[in-house]
N, C-alpha and C. Protein backbone atom coordinates (compact mmCIF):
# COMPACT_ATOMS: atom_id res chain seq x y z
N UNK A 1 1.03 -1.44 0.25
CA UNK A 1 0.63 -0.21 0.28
C UNK A 1 0.73 1.53 -0.34
N UNK A 2 0.70 2.19 -1.24
CA UNK A 2 1.59 3.51 -0.90
C UNK A 2 0.97 4.00 0.17
N UNK A 3 1.47 5.19 0.17
CA UNK A 3 1.68 5.72 1.99
C UNK A 3 1.04 6.70 1.27
N UNK A 4 -0.03 7.88 2.80
CA UNK A 4 -0.23 8.61 2.42
C UNK A 4 1.08 9.60 2.26
N UNK A 5 2.26 9.68 3.24
CA UNK A 5 2.75 10.45 3.31
C UNK A 5 4.29 10.04 3.29
N UNK A 6 4.96 10.93 2.81
CA UNK A 6 6.30 10.61 2.90
C UNK A 6 7.90 11.16 2.32
N UNK A 7 7.91 10.71 3.55
CA UNK A 7 9.60 12.12 3.11
C UNK A 7 10.46 11.03 3.49
N UNK A 8 11.44 12.09 2.27
CA UNK A 8 12.96 10.95 1.70
C UNK A 8 13.88 12.89 2.78
N UNK A 9 14.90 11.73 3.68
CA UNK A 9 15.98 12.17 3.70
C UNK A 9 15.49 13.90 4.24
N UNK A 10 14.58 14.04 4.38
CA UNK A 10 14.61 15.55 4.83
C UNK A 10 14.98 16.38 6.38
N UNK A 11 16.17 18.43 5.63
CA UNK A 11 16.55 18.75 6.14
C UNK A 11 16.80 20.00 6.15
N UNK A 12 15.77 21.00 7.07
CA UNK A 12 15.66 22.16 7.28
C UNK A 12 16.70 23.44 8.48
N UNK A 13 16.46 23.33 7.67
CA UNK A 13 17.49 25.08 7.82
C UNK A 13 16.39 26.53 7.74
N UNK A 14 17.06 26.94 9.15
CA UNK A 14 16.48 28.59 9.06
C UNK A 14 18.11 29.78 9.15
N UNK A 15 18.54 30.00 8.29
CA UNK A 15 19.55 30.46 7.30
C UNK A 15 20.84 28.81 8.09
N UNK A 16 21.80 29.61 8.03
CA UNK A 16 22.52 28.54 8.71
C UNK A 16 21.99 27.88 9.57
N UNK A 17 21.27 27.58 9.90
CA UNK A 17 21.48 26.80 11.25
C UNK A 17 19.59 25.85 11.11
N UNK A 18 21.11 24.86 11.73
CA UNK A 18 19.63 22.89 10.89
C UNK A 18 19.33 22.69 11.53
N UNK A 19 17.87 22.54 11.77
CA UNK A 19 16.54 22.36 12.30
C UNK A 19 16.03 21.13 12.67
N UNK A 20 16.44 20.36 11.01
CA UNK A 20 15.70 18.94 11.36
C UNK A 20 16.80 17.91 10.97
N UNK A 21 17.65 17.17 10.84
CA UNK A 21 18.42 15.81 10.52
C UNK A 21 17.90 14.87 9.57
N UNK A 22 17.72 14.97 8.40
CA UNK A 22 17.65 13.42 7.87
C UNK A 22 16.69 12.27 7.41
N UNK A 23 15.46 13.72 7.90
CA UNK A 23 14.19 12.67 8.15
C UNK A 23 13.60 11.84 7.50
N UNK A 24 13.31 10.12 6.83
CA UNK A 24 13.27 9.86 6.05
C UNK A 24 11.42 8.65 7.19
N UNK A 25 10.57 9.08 6.71
CA UNK A 25 9.20 9.18 7.11
C UNK A 25 8.04 8.32 6.57
N UNK A 26 7.40 6.73 6.53
CA UNK A 26 6.38 7.09 5.50
C UNK A 26 5.00 6.74 6.15
N UNK A 27 3.91 7.41 6.55
CA UNK A 27 2.43 7.50 6.88
C UNK A 27 2.21 7.06 6.42
N UNK A 28 0.68 6.64 6.50
CA UNK A 28 0.21 5.35 6.26
C UNK A 28 -1.26 6.30 5.90
N UNK A 29 -2.54 6.09 5.21
CA UNK A 29 -3.35 7.11 5.15
C UNK A 29 -4.37 6.74 6.73
N UNK A 30 -4.76 7.41 7.48
CA UNK A 30 -5.97 7.08 8.67
C UNK A 30 -4.69 6.45 9.05
N UNK A 31 -3.76 7.61 9.45
CA UNK A 31 -3.25 6.99 10.65
C UNK A 31 -3.18 8.46 11.66
N UNK A 32 -2.87 7.83 13.04
CA UNK A 32 -2.13 8.61 13.86
C UNK A 32 -1.87 8.77 14.74
N UNK A 33 -0.50 10.06 14.13
CA UNK A 33 1.19 9.84 14.37
C UNK A 33 1.35 11.63 15.49
N UNK A 34 1.97 10.71 16.37
CA UNK A 34 2.45 11.39 18.00
C UNK A 34 4.09 11.90 17.84
N UNK A 35 3.94 13.16 17.89
CA UNK A 35 5.44 13.45 17.81
C UNK A 35 5.96 14.16 18.87
N UNK A 36 7.46 13.18 20.31
CA UNK A 36 6.89 13.89 21.00
C UNK A 36 8.56 13.74 20.98
N UNK A 37 8.60 15.74 22.06
CA UNK A 37 10.04 15.44 21.88
C UNK A 37 9.63 16.40 22.92
N UNK A 38 10.76 17.05 23.84
CA UNK A 38 11.69 18.38 24.01
C UNK A 38 11.16 19.27 23.61
N UNK A 39 10.52 20.71 24.64
CA UNK A 39 10.65 21.70 23.80
C UNK A 39 12.35 22.23 23.08
N UNK A 40 11.44 22.78 21.72
CA UNK A 40 13.00 23.20 20.83
C UNK A 40 13.12 22.17 20.09
N UNK A 41 12.95 20.68 19.99
CA UNK A 41 13.73 19.62 19.03
C UNK A 41 13.60 19.69 17.62
N UNK A 42 11.61 20.01 17.22
CA UNK A 42 11.89 20.39 15.86
C UNK A 42 10.93 19.96 15.47
N UNK A 43 9.92 19.59 16.60
CA UNK A 43 8.22 19.09 16.21
C UNK A 43 7.51 20.17 15.28
N UNK A 44 8.06 21.32 15.84
CA UNK A 44 6.33 21.95 14.89
C UNK A 44 7.57 22.20 13.58
N UNK A 45 8.21 22.49 13.25
CA UNK A 45 8.95 22.45 11.83
C UNK A 45 8.38 22.07 11.50
N UNK A 46 9.02 20.37 12.05
CA UNK A 46 8.65 19.50 11.14
C UNK A 46 7.27 19.64 10.34
N UNK A 47 6.06 19.86 11.58
CA UNK A 47 4.65 19.62 10.73
C UNK A 47 4.71 20.84 10.53
N UNK A 48 5.07 22.13 10.19
CA UNK A 48 5.35 23.43 9.65
C UNK A 48 5.94 22.40 7.54
N UNK A 49 6.69 21.27 7.67
CA UNK A 49 7.31 21.11 6.66
C UNK A 49 6.02 20.78 6.10
N UNK A 50 5.23 20.00 6.13
CA UNK A 50 4.23 19.06 5.84
C UNK A 50 3.08 20.01 4.88
N UNK A 51 3.17 21.63 5.30
CA UNK A 51 2.09 22.02 4.69
C UNK A 51 2.45 22.90 3.84
N UNK A 52 4.26 23.32 4.09
CA UNK A 52 5.19 24.70 4.07
C UNK A 52 5.23 26.10 4.25
N UNK A 53 4.87 25.66 5.65
CA UNK A 53 4.80 26.67 6.07
C UNK A 53 5.35 28.03 6.55
N UNK A 54 6.24 26.26 6.19
CA UNK A 54 7.48 27.46 6.37
C UNK A 54 7.80 28.72 5.58
N UNK A 55 6.85 28.82 4.39
CA UNK A 55 7.48 29.44 2.77
C UNK A 55 7.43 30.55 3.31
N UNK A 56 6.68 30.65 4.83
CA UNK A 56 6.31 32.53 5.01
C UNK A 56 7.96 33.44 5.48
N UNK A 57 8.62 31.78 6.08
CA UNK A 57 10.30 33.16 6.84
C UNK A 57 10.77 32.86 5.65
N UNK A 58 11.78 33.75 5.54
CA UNK A 58 12.58 34.72 4.19
C UNK A 58 13.47 33.47 4.78
N UNK A 59 13.99 32.86 5.37
CA UNK A 59 15.76 31.97 5.93
C UNK A 59 15.82 30.78 5.57
N UNK A 60 14.31 30.33 5.83
CA UNK A 60 13.79 28.50 5.51
C UNK A 60 14.01 27.67 4.65
N UNK A 61 15.59 27.45 3.85
CA UNK A 61 15.90 26.44 3.91
C UNK A 61 15.56 24.91 3.22
N UNK A 62 14.62 23.97 2.90
CA UNK A 62 14.49 22.29 2.75
C UNK A 62 15.18 22.01 1.88
N UNK A 63 15.62 20.69 2.64
CA UNK A 63 16.61 19.41 1.75
C UNK A 63 15.40 18.04 1.74
N UNK A 64 15.79 17.35 0.06
CA UNK A 64 15.11 16.69 0.05
C UNK A 64 13.67 16.14 -0.44
N UNK A 65 13.00 15.06 0.17
CA UNK A 65 11.13 15.35 -0.70
C UNK A 65 9.89 15.21 0.15
N UNK A 66 9.19 15.07 0.13
CA UNK A 66 8.04 15.11 0.89
C UNK A 66 7.18 15.14 0.03
N UNK A 67 6.32 13.51 -0.38
CA UNK A 67 5.33 13.31 -0.91
C UNK A 67 4.06 13.26 -0.29
N UNK A 68 3.06 14.30 -1.41
CA UNK A 68 1.74 13.57 -0.55
C UNK A 68 1.08 12.87 -1.66
N UNK A 69 0.36 11.47 -1.66
CA UNK A 69 0.14 11.09 -2.52
C UNK A 69 1.11 11.42 -3.96
N UNK A 70 2.37 11.23 -3.90
CA UNK A 70 2.57 10.33 -4.70
C UNK A 70 2.89 11.82 -4.87
N UNK A 71 3.18 12.86 -5.51
CA UNK A 71 3.15 14.59 -5.74
C UNK A 71 3.74 14.26 -4.91
N UNK A 72 5.25 15.19 -5.37
CA UNK A 72 5.97 15.94 -4.37
C UNK A 72 6.09 17.95 -3.72
N UNK A 73 5.51 18.45 -2.59
CA UNK A 73 4.62 18.87 -2.15
C UNK A 73 5.64 20.53 -2.73
N UNK A 74 7.55 20.46 -2.52
CA UNK A 74 8.11 21.03 -2.62
C UNK A 74 8.23 21.32 -4.33
N UNK A 75 7.97 20.74 -5.50
CA UNK A 75 8.41 20.96 -6.48
C UNK A 75 7.43 22.37 -6.76
N UNK A 76 8.55 22.83 -8.00
CA UNK A 76 8.92 23.98 -9.03
C UNK A 76 6.94 24.00 -9.69
N UNK A 77 6.15 24.56 -8.68
CA UNK A 77 4.61 24.68 -9.58
C UNK A 77 3.50 23.90 -9.12
N UNK A 78 4.25 23.73 -7.86
CA UNK A 78 3.05 23.36 -6.80
C UNK A 78 1.96 24.34 -6.79
N UNK A 79 0.74 24.20 -5.96
CA UNK A 79 -0.06 25.54 -5.60
C UNK A 79 -0.73 24.82 -4.42
N UNK A 80 0.37 25.62 -3.47
CA UNK A 80 0.68 26.04 -2.56
C UNK A 80 -0.98 26.09 -1.93
N UNK A 81 -1.98 26.70 -2.50
CA UNK A 81 -3.10 27.21 -1.61
C UNK A 81 -3.54 25.71 -1.26
N UNK A 82 -3.98 25.07 -2.77
CA UNK A 82 -4.44 23.90 -2.89
C UNK A 82 -4.13 22.43 -2.32
N UNK A 83 -2.60 22.43 -1.30
CA UNK A 83 -1.78 21.65 -0.93
C UNK A 83 -2.31 22.12 0.70
N UNK A 84 -2.64 23.12 0.90
CA UNK A 84 -3.75 24.09 2.47
C UNK A 84 -4.75 23.78 2.41
N UNK A 85 -5.18 23.75 1.55
CA UNK A 85 -6.59 22.91 1.48
C UNK A 85 -6.66 21.17 2.46
N UNK A 86 -5.69 20.91 1.22
CA UNK A 86 -6.21 19.30 1.47
C UNK A 86 -4.90 19.06 2.72
N UNK A 87 -3.84 19.78 3.28
CA UNK A 87 -3.63 19.38 4.47
C UNK A 87 -3.92 20.54 5.49
N UNK A 88 -4.58 20.76 6.35
CA UNK A 88 -5.06 21.41 6.91
C UNK A 88 -4.20 21.50 8.13
N UNK A 89 -3.64 22.70 9.33
CA UNK A 89 -2.96 22.87 10.35
C UNK A 89 -3.32 23.24 11.45
N UNK A 90 -3.68 22.93 13.78
CA UNK A 90 -4.60 23.88 14.24
C UNK A 90 -2.74 24.17 14.54
N UNK A 91 -2.94 25.49 15.35
CA UNK A 91 -1.39 26.05 15.54
C UNK A 91 -1.53 25.12 17.79
N UNK A 92 -0.81 25.54 17.42
CA UNK A 92 0.04 26.07 19.50
C UNK A 92 -1.09 26.34 20.03
N UNK A 93 -0.69 27.41 19.55
CA UNK A 93 -1.84 29.48 20.12
C UNK A 93 -2.74 28.85 19.43
N UNK A 94 -3.92 28.86 19.73
CA UNK A 94 -5.13 29.57 19.46
C UNK A 94 -5.05 30.86 18.48
N UNK A 95 -5.81 30.54 16.75
CA UNK A 95 -5.47 31.64 16.92
C UNK A 95 -6.91 32.22 15.96
N UNK A 96 -7.87 32.20 16.57
CA UNK A 96 -9.22 32.73 15.90
C UNK A 96 -9.58 33.99 15.44
N UNK A 97 -10.09 33.70 14.10
CA UNK A 97 -10.67 35.45 13.70
C UNK A 97 -11.08 36.47 14.70
N UNK A 98 -11.13 37.47 13.63
CA UNK A 98 -12.28 38.41 14.44
C UNK A 98 -13.94 38.72 13.77
N UNK A 99 -13.92 36.86 14.25
CA UNK A 99 -15.73 37.23 13.73
C UNK A 99 -15.96 36.88 14.82
N UNK A 100 -17.43 36.31 14.31
CA UNK A 100 -18.85 35.19 15.79
C UNK A 100 -17.82 34.19 15.33
N UNK A 101 -17.96 33.68 15.99
CA UNK A 101 -18.41 31.42 16.47
C UNK A 101 -18.71 31.03 14.58
N UNK A 102 -20.08 31.87 14.40
CA UNK A 102 -20.12 30.30 13.52
C UNK A 102 -19.13 31.28 12.45
N UNK A 103 -18.64 31.93 11.95
CA UNK A 103 -17.93 33.26 11.62
C UNK A 103 -16.32 32.36 11.54
N UNK A 104 -16.31 31.91 11.68
CA UNK A 104 -14.48 31.42 12.36
C UNK A 104 -15.27 29.80 11.38
N UNK A 105 -15.69 29.60 12.39
CA UNK A 105 -16.15 28.14 11.63
C UNK A 105 -16.99 27.86 9.72
N UNK A 106 -17.09 29.40 8.97
CA UNK A 106 -17.83 29.29 8.30
C UNK A 106 -17.08 29.18 7.39
N UNK A 107 -16.31 30.76 7.52
CA UNK A 107 -14.24 31.34 7.01
C UNK A 107 -14.12 30.11 5.74
N UNK A 108 -13.67 29.10 6.75
CA UNK A 108 -13.31 28.27 5.29
C UNK A 108 -14.19 27.35 4.24
N UNK A 109 -15.11 27.30 4.75
CA UNK A 109 -16.48 26.45 4.34
C UNK A 109 -16.52 27.29 2.87
N UNK A 110 -17.20 29.15 2.88
CA UNK A 110 -17.06 30.00 1.95
C UNK A 110 -16.26 29.20 1.28
N UNK A 111 -15.16 30.27 1.54
CA UNK A 111 -14.15 30.37 0.12
C UNK A 111 -13.25 28.91 -0.57
N UNK A 112 -13.98 28.31 0.66
CA UNK A 112 -13.13 27.26 -0.49
C UNK A 112 -14.61 26.97 -1.70
N UNK A 113 -16.36 27.39 -1.05
CA UNK A 113 -17.49 26.68 -1.99
C UNK A 113 -17.81 25.79 -1.83
N UNK A 114 -17.37 24.92 -0.47
CA UNK A 114 -18.53 23.65 -0.48
C UNK A 114 -19.99 23.30 -0.17
N UNK A 115 -19.99 24.48 0.43
CA UNK A 115 -21.59 24.21 0.15
C UNK A 115 -21.75 24.41 -0.58
N UNK A 116 -23.67 24.18 -0.68
CA UNK A 116 -24.18 24.97 -1.42
C UNK A 116 -26.02 25.74 -1.16
N UNK A 117 -25.63 25.94 0.40
CA UNK A 117 -27.28 26.83 0.74
C UNK A 117 -27.21 26.72 1.48
N UNK A 118 -27.54 28.62 2.40
CA UNK A 118 -27.56 28.80 3.99
C UNK A 118 -27.67 27.39 4.88
N UNK A 119 -28.73 26.54 4.68
CA UNK A 119 -28.84 24.97 6.15
C UNK A 119 -27.31 23.83 5.69
N UNK A 120 -26.91 24.00 4.54
CA UNK A 120 -25.52 22.99 4.03
C UNK A 120 -24.63 23.84 5.02
N UNK A 121 -24.65 24.98 5.35
CA UNK A 121 -23.85 26.03 5.41
C UNK A 121 -23.45 25.11 7.57
N UNK A 122 -24.81 26.23 7.69
CA UNK A 122 -24.97 25.66 8.93
C UNK A 122 -24.95 24.23 9.91
N UNK A 123 -25.65 23.36 8.72
CA UNK A 123 -24.66 21.67 9.26
C UNK A 123 -23.82 21.77 8.51
N UNK A 124 -22.72 22.40 8.09
CA UNK A 124 -21.24 22.03 8.78
C UNK A 124 -20.77 22.34 9.97
N UNK A 125 -21.44 23.65 9.85
CA UNK A 125 -20.53 24.41 10.84
C UNK A 125 -20.78 23.76 11.56
N UNK A 126 -21.85 22.98 12.14
CA UNK A 126 -22.82 22.52 14.06
C UNK A 126 -22.24 20.59 13.23
N UNK A 127 -21.98 20.19 12.88
CA UNK A 127 -20.83 18.39 12.58
C UNK A 127 -20.02 19.34 13.03
N UNK A 128 -19.08 20.03 12.40
CA UNK A 128 -17.25 20.14 12.34
C UNK A 128 -17.23 21.26 15.17
N UNK A 129 -18.40 21.84 15.19
CA UNK A 129 -18.03 22.20 16.11
C UNK A 129 -18.45 20.56 17.11
N UNK A 130 -19.87 19.55 15.75
CA UNK A 130 -20.21 18.59 17.59
C UNK A 130 -17.72 17.66 17.36
N UNK A 131 -18.09 17.46 16.23
CA UNK A 131 -16.24 16.60 16.35
C UNK A 131 -15.58 18.08 16.98
N UNK A 132 -15.37 18.65 17.18
CA UNK A 132 -15.03 19.60 18.14
C UNK A 132 -15.15 19.82 19.06
N UNK A 133 -15.69 18.45 19.58
CA UNK A 133 -16.82 19.82 21.52
C UNK A 133 -17.19 20.23 21.93
N UNK A 134 -17.09 21.28 21.28
CA UNK A 134 -17.85 22.39 21.12
C UNK A 134 -18.64 22.68 21.08
N UNK A 135 -19.75 21.85 20.39
CA UNK A 135 -21.44 22.32 20.31
C UNK A 135 -21.88 22.98 21.68
N UNK A 136 -22.28 22.45 22.48
CA UNK A 136 -23.25 22.52 22.96
C UNK A 136 -22.98 23.65 24.19
N UNK A 137 -21.00 24.62 24.22
CA UNK A 137 -21.30 24.91 25.29
C UNK A 137 -21.81 26.51 24.22
N UNK A 138 -21.34 26.60 22.65
CA UNK A 138 -21.82 27.33 22.00
C UNK A 138 -23.16 27.62 21.29
N UNK A 139 -23.50 26.68 21.01
CA UNK A 139 -24.72 26.32 20.30
C UNK A 139 -25.65 28.38 20.35
N UNK A 140 -25.70 28.41 21.44
CA UNK A 140 -26.67 29.83 22.02
C UNK A 140 -25.80 30.68 21.27
N UNK A 141 -24.66 31.40 20.96
CA UNK A 141 -24.01 32.34 21.31
C UNK A 141 -23.50 32.07 20.09
N UNK A 142 -23.66 31.34 18.50
CA UNK A 142 -23.04 31.22 17.73
C UNK A 142 -23.11 33.05 17.09
N UNK A 143 -23.44 33.33 16.81
CA UNK A 143 -23.28 35.23 16.64
C UNK A 143 -22.58 36.44 17.49
N UNK A 144 -22.11 35.84 18.95
CA UNK A 144 -21.03 36.17 20.27
C UNK A 144 -19.65 36.39 19.44
N UNK A 145 -18.58 36.59 19.65
CA UNK A 145 -17.46 37.39 18.84
C UNK A 145 -16.40 36.15 19.60
N UNK A 146 -15.86 35.37 18.59
CA UNK A 146 -15.07 33.53 19.32
C UNK A 146 -14.97 34.30 20.45
N UNK A 147 -13.44 35.91 20.48
CA UNK A 147 -12.76 36.23 21.50
C UNK A 147 -12.78 36.53 22.85
N UNK A 148 -14.69 35.42 22.99
CA UNK A 148 -15.46 35.55 24.15
C UNK A 148 -15.02 34.62 24.68
N UNK A 149 -14.23 33.35 24.17
CA UNK A 149 -14.63 32.28 24.47
C UNK A 149 -13.52 31.51 25.17
N UNK A 150 -12.73 30.54 26.10
CA UNK A 150 -11.69 30.73 26.84
C UNK A 150 -11.00 30.27 26.24
N UNK A 151 -9.94 30.40 26.19
CA UNK A 151 -8.40 29.95 25.81
C UNK A 151 -8.15 28.65 25.07
N UNK A 152 -9.39 27.55 26.07
CA UNK A 152 -9.81 25.62 25.82
C UNK A 152 -10.61 25.62 24.70
N UNK A 153 -11.68 26.84 24.44
CA UNK A 153 -12.41 26.96 23.51
C UNK A 153 -12.35 27.03 22.48
N UNK A 154 -11.66 27.85 22.10
CA UNK A 154 -10.42 29.01 21.39
C UNK A 154 -9.93 28.49 20.74
N UNK A 155 -9.41 27.21 21.53
CA UNK A 155 -7.81 26.51 20.44
C UNK A 155 -9.47 24.75 19.95
N UNK A 156 -10.93 24.62 20.63
CA UNK A 156 -11.72 24.05 20.59
C UNK A 156 -12.36 24.68 18.92
N UNK A 157 -12.68 25.76 19.17
CA UNK A 157 -13.29 26.77 17.48
C UNK A 157 -12.71 26.26 16.28
N UNK A 158 -10.78 26.63 16.77
CA UNK A 158 -9.52 26.88 15.53
C UNK A 158 -9.46 25.48 15.43
N UNK A 159 -9.94 23.92 16.23
CA UNK A 159 -9.78 22.62 15.47
C UNK A 159 -11.53 22.38 14.71
N UNK A 160 -12.81 22.67 15.00
CA UNK A 160 -13.07 22.69 14.22
C UNK A 160 -13.44 23.49 12.35
N UNK A 161 -12.60 24.93 13.10
CA UNK A 161 -11.79 25.38 11.10
C UNK A 161 -12.07 24.32 11.06
N UNK A 162 -10.68 23.57 11.15
CA UNK A 162 -9.80 22.27 10.00
C UNK A 162 -10.67 22.22 9.72
N UNK A 163 -11.37 21.31 10.65
CA UNK A 163 -12.37 20.17 10.43
C UNK A 163 -13.64 20.52 9.36
N UNK A 164 -14.18 21.48 9.07
CA UNK A 164 -14.82 22.22 8.51
C UNK A 164 -14.52 21.75 7.32
N UNK A 165 -13.20 22.31 6.41
CA UNK A 165 -13.32 21.85 5.37
C UNK A 165 -13.16 20.06 4.52
N UNK A 166 -13.29 19.68 5.98
CA UNK A 166 -12.97 17.86 5.35
C UNK A 166 -11.33 18.30 4.75
N UNK A 167 -10.34 18.40 5.35
CA UNK A 167 -8.40 18.93 4.78
C UNK A 167 -8.42 16.76 4.82
N UNK A 168 -7.27 16.12 4.01
CA UNK A 168 -7.81 15.13 3.72
C UNK A 168 -6.04 14.19 4.63
N UNK A 169 -5.53 15.65 5.35
CA UNK A 169 -5.04 15.24 6.41
C UNK A 169 -4.67 16.80 7.50
N UNK A 170 -4.74 16.34 8.37
CA UNK A 170 -4.79 17.57 9.50
C UNK A 170 -3.71 17.92 10.85
N UNK A 171 -2.65 18.52 10.27
CA UNK A 171 -1.88 18.82 11.55
C UNK A 171 -1.94 19.29 12.55
N UNK A 172 -1.76 18.53 14.32
CA UNK A 172 -1.93 19.71 15.04
C UNK A 172 -1.00 19.21 15.97
N UNK A 173 -0.15 21.16 16.63
CA UNK A 173 0.73 21.08 16.97
C UNK A 173 0.45 21.87 18.82
N UNK A 174 0.59 20.62 19.64
CA UNK A 174 0.17 21.07 20.79
C UNK A 174 -1.20 21.42 20.78
N UNK A 175 -2.55 20.55 19.79
CA UNK A 175 -4.13 21.46 20.32
C UNK A 175 -4.22 21.40 21.76
N UNK A 176 -4.27 20.48 21.88
CA UNK A 176 -4.97 20.05 23.19
C UNK A 176 -3.63 21.23 24.83
N UNK A 177 -3.07 22.47 24.16
CA UNK A 177 -2.09 22.68 25.05
C UNK A 177 -3.12 24.24 26.42
N UNK A 178 -3.94 24.86 25.38
CA UNK A 178 -4.89 25.39 25.65
C UNK A 178 -5.44 25.06 27.29
C-alpha cells in the first residue's frame, strides 16, 4: 500500500542553523501519529514542512523530498493554496478570527466553495463544532465574538475550523496546550 505521506532525507534550515536532520518516514493513510520530544527539538518545524507553512520564513531552506499522494509538495509549480486545503493545520496557540463563532467555522467552507445553501453551511458548521466537542457550549451564542470564548474553547474552535473543510490530512501542533 502506498503511504499517504512519504518523507525522504528531509533536512531543514533557518539560515545556517539546521533544525531537522535527515528525516525519512512513511505515514499511511488514516494513521494517527504523535511526535513527542522536548521543547525546541523541531516538532513544530517538522509539521510546518508538511504544508509548506515555513515558506513564509525568508531564511527557511528545505532539502530532501516530501510526497503527499505521490506528489512532491516542494516541486516547482506546486499550488500551495491547494496543498493547504488538503493539509489543514491547527496551531499551538489558538488563533480565532475577529469574527463570530459561526463565521470562524464558516469562513473556510465559504472560501473553498464547499456549501450549496445556507442550510448546508449551517449543518457543516454544526457538525464541525460537534466533532470538536464545542457545540453544546456555543450553540446558543453562535453570533457572538469568538474572542469571548475561553482559551480552551478558542482552541477547539480552531479545531472545528480545520475539520469543517474536511482536509485529507490534519496537522495539530500541541492542540491541547490551551
